[in-house]
Amino acid sequence: MQASRRKFFITSAAVVSSIVLSAQTRADTTAVSESDPTAKALNYKPLASSVDPAKSPTYKAGQMCANCQLYQGTAGSSMGPCAIFGGKQVSAKGWCTAYVKKA
């Protein structure tokens, strides 16, 4: 009986930790929407070409998330995590006012 109880608790702990890790991974893969409060504050656009220069005078042609220092996606990926948005996914072709040219 002891071995069964021990196996049950070990299995339960493994299942619970898997669920927690799965939820964490899912949260990190959510894409930032333009309606997100942080995205609104930083004037995030999923396509840098749609940035209105009147609203974002710091924008310069050629700037996009893929060549921003805060972008944590891999080269060539269409989306990747961003440090500004808590690791949420942003478009590699996007832009926001927090843009910092990659060194």
C-alpha atoms as a PDB file:
ATOM      1  CA  MET A   1       0.000   0.000   0.000  1.00  0.00           C
ATOM      2  CA  GLN A   2       2.840   2.439   0.819  1.00  0.00           C
ATOM      3  CA  ALA A   3       4.437   2.038  -2.611  1.00  0.00           C
ATOM      4  CA  SER A   4       1.139   2.805  -4.342  1.00  0.00           C
ATOM      5  CA  ARG A   5       0.587   5.939  -2.290  1.00  0.00           C
ATOM      6  CA  ARG A   6       4.157   7.111  -2.942  1.00  0.00           C
ATOM      7  CA  LYS A   7       3.750   6.443  -6.681  1.00  0.00           C
ATOM      8  CA  PHE A   8       0.457   8.361  -6.664  1.00  0.00           C
ATOM      9  CA  PHE A   9       2.029  11.445  -5.057  1.00  0.00           C
ATOM     10  CA  ILE A  10       5.047  11.380  -7.366  1.00  0.00           C
ATOM     11  CA  THR A  11       2.822  11.026 -10.429  1.00  0.00           C
ATOM     12  CA  SER A  12       0.500  13.782  -9.180  1.00  0.00           C
ATOM     13  CA  ALA A  13       3.422  16.140  -8.619  1.00  0.00           C
ATOM     14  CA  ALA A  14       4.703  15.446 -12.129  1.00  0.00           C
ATOM     15  CA  VAL A  15       1.282  16.078 -13.681  1.00  0.00           C
ATOM     16  CA  VAL A  16       0.745  19.322 -11.749  1.00  0.00           C
ATOM     17  CA  SER A  17       4.198  20.639 -12.633  1.00  0.00           C
ATOM     18  CA  SER A  18       3.603  19.755 -16.297  1.00  0.00           C
ATOM     19  CA  ILE A  19       0.337  21.677 -16.289  1.00  0.00           C
ATOM     20  CA  VAL A  20       1.960  24.705 -14.652  1.00  0.00           C
ATOM     21  CA  LEU A  21       4.869  24.680 -17.111  1.00  0.00           C
ATOM     22  CA  SER A  22       2.483  24.236 -20.022  1.00  0.00           C
ATOM     23  CA  ALA A  23       0.429  27.234 -18.900  1.00  0.00           C
ATOM     24  CA  GLN A  24       3.619  29.309 -18.521  1.00  0.00           C
ATOM     25  CA  THR A  25       4.748  28.371 -22.036  1.00  0.00           C
ATOM     26  CA  ARG A  26       1.328  29.191 -23.448  1.00  0.00           C
ATOM     27  CA  ALA A  27       1.374  32.620 -21.781  1.00  0.00           C
ATOM     28  CA  ASP A  28       4.763  33.365 -23.303  1.00  0.00           C
ATOM     29  CA  THR A  29       3.546  32.539 -26.807  1.00  0.00           C
ATOM     30  CA  THR A  30       0.606  34.894 -26.832  1.00  0.00           C
ATOM     31  CA  ALA A  31       0.896  37.636 -29.393  1.00  0.00           C
ATOM     32  CA  VAL A  32       0.683  41.267 -28.382  1.00  0.00           C
ATOM     33  CA  SER A  33      -2.365  42.968 -29.848  1.00  0.00           C
ATOM     34  CA  GLU A  34      -2.602  46.646 -30.682  1.00  0.00           C
ATOM     35  CA  SER A  35      -5.346  46.944 -28.050  1.00  0.00           C
ATOM     36  CA  ASP A  36      -2.997  45.806 -25.253  1.00  0.00           C
ATOM     37  CA  PRO A  37      -2.518  48.737 -22.808  1.00  0.00           C
ATOM     38  CA  THR A  38       1.289  48.604 -23.088  1.00  0.00           C
ATOM     39  CA  ALA A  39       1.062  48.343 -26.865  1.00  0.00           C
ATOM     40  CA  LYS A  40      -1.204  51.395 -26.965  1.00  0.00           C
ATOM     41  CA  ALA A  41       1.137  53.370 -24.730  1.00  0.00           C
ATOM     42  CA  LEU A  42       4.108  52.500 -26.958  1.00  0.00           C
ATOM     43  CA  ASN A  43       2.166  52.874 -30.223  1.00  0.00           C
ATOM     44  CA  TYR A  44       2.979  49.256 -31.197  1.00  0.00           C
ATOM     45  CA  LYS A  45       2.132  48.330 -34.776  1.00  0.00           C
ATOM     46  CA  PRO A  46       2.524  44.762 -36.097  1.00  0.00           C
ATOM     47  CA  LEU A  47       3.676  46.234 -39.424  1.00  0.00           C
ATOM     48  CA  ALA A  48       6.241  49.015 -39.187  1.00  0.00           C
ATOM     49  CA  SER A  49       5.127  50.265 -42.601  1.00  0.00           C
ATOM     50  CA  SER A  50       1.751  51.210 -41.064  1.00  0.00           C
ATOM     51  CA  VAL A  51       3.297  53.564 -38.476  1.00  0.00           C
ATOM     52  CA  ASP A  52       1.929  57.098 -38.757  1.00  0.00           C
ATOM     53  CA  PRO A  53       4.950  59.469 -38.635  1.00  0.00           C
ATOM     54  CA  ALA A  54       2.715  62.227 -37.259  1.00  0.00           C
ATOM     55  CA  LYS A  55       1.898  60.103 -34.193  1.00  0.00           C
ATOM     56  CA  SER A  56       5.398  58.598 -33.916  1.00  0.00           C
ATOM     57  CA  PRO A  57       7.973  61.188 -34.995  1.00  0.00           C
ATOM     58  CA  THR A  58      10.851  58.981 -33.737  1.00  0.00           C
ATOM     59  CA  TYR A  59      10.074  56.305 -36.346  1.00  0.00           C
ATOM     60  CA  LYS A  60      12.597  55.994 -39.181  1.00  0.00           C
ATOM     61  CA  ALA A  61      12.179  53.793 -42.253  1.00  0.00           C
ATOM     62  CA  GLY A  62      13.883  50.438 -41.801  1.00  0.00           C
ATOM     63  CA  GLN A  63      13.259  50.250 -38.057  1.00  0.00           C
ATOM     64  CA  MET A  64      11.411  47.094 -37.001  1.00  0.00           C
ATOM     65  CA  CYS A  65      11.292  44.689 -34.110  1.00  0.00           C
ATOM     66  CA  ALA A  66      13.619  42.222 -35.856  1.00  0.00           C
ATOM     67  CA  ASN A  67      16.491  44.746 -35.671  1.00  0.00           C
ATOM     68  CA  CYS A  68      15.631  46.082 -32.197  1.00  0.00           C
ATOM     69  CA  GLN A  69      17.826  45.309 -29.209  1.00  0.00           C
ATOM     70  CA  LEU A  70      14.766  44.359 -27.121  1.00  0.00           C
ATOM     71  CA  TYR A  71      13.551  41.708 -29.599  1.00  0.00           C
ATOM     72  CA  GLN A  72      14.460  38.205 -28.412  1.00  0.00           C
ATOM     73  CA  GLY A  73      13.294  36.201 -31.423  1.00  0.00           C
ATOM     74  CA  THR A  74      15.605  34.150 -33.592  1.00  0.00           C
ATOM     75  CA  ALA A  75      16.889  35.535 -36.879  1.00  0.00           C
ATOM     76  CA  GLY A  76      14.447  34.882 -39.701  1.00  0.00           C
ATOM     77  CA  SER A  77      11.448  34.182 -37.454  1.00  0.00           C
ATOM     78  CA  SER A  78       8.176  35.966 -38.139  1.00  0.00           C
ATOM     79  CA  MET A  79       7.476  36.515 -34.416  1.00  0.00           C
ATOM     80  CA  GLY A  80       9.471  36.513 -31.221  1.00  0.00           C
ATOM     81  CA  PRO A  81       9.362  37.532 -27.580  1.00  0.00           C
ATOM     82  CA  CYS A  82      10.014  41.135 -26.573  1.00  0.00           C
ATOM     83  CA  ALA A  83      11.452  42.258 -23.238  1.00  0.00           C
ATOM     84  CA  ILE A  84       9.192  45.323 -23.146  1.00  0.00           C
ATOM     85  CA  PHE A  85       6.026  43.221 -23.411  1.00  0.00           C
ATOM     86  CA  GLY A  86       6.983  40.713 -20.728  1.00  0.00           C
ATOM     87  CA  GLY A  87       8.096  38.075 -23.198  1.00  0.00           C
ATOM     88  CA  LYS A  88       4.887  38.149 -25.228  1.00  0.00           C
ATOM     89  CA  GLN A  89       5.295  37.590 -28.960  1.00  0.00           C
ATOM     90  CA  VAL A  90       5.624  40.564 -31.297  1.00  0.00           C
ATOM     91  CA  SER A  91       5.817  40.640 -35.062  1.00  0.00           C
ATOM     92  CA  ALA A  92       9.378  40.762 -36.416  1.00  0.00           C
ATOM     93  CA  LYS A  93       8.077  43.384 -38.872  1.00  0.00           C
ATOM     94  CA  GLY A  94       6.455  45.416 -36.089  1.00  0.00           C
ATOM     95  CA  TRP A  95       7.566  48.607 -34.370  1.00  0.00           C
ATOM     96  CA  CYS A  96       6.971  50.580 -31.167  1.00  0.00           C
ATOM     97  CA  THR A  97       8.358  53.730 -29.577  1.00  0.00           C
ATOM     98  CA  ALA A  98      10.663  51.675 -27.332  1.00  0.00           C
ATOM     99  CA  TYR A  99      12.731  50.739 -30.407  1.00  0.00           C
ATOM    100  CA  VAL A 100      16.500  50.638 -29.764  1.00  0.00           C
ATOM    101  CA  LYS A 101      18.781  49.802 -32.665  1.00  0.00           C
ATOM    102  CA  LYS A 102      20.529  46.471 -32.202  1.00  0.00           C
ATOM    103  CA  ALA A 103      24.245  46.990 -31.614  1.00  0.00           C
END
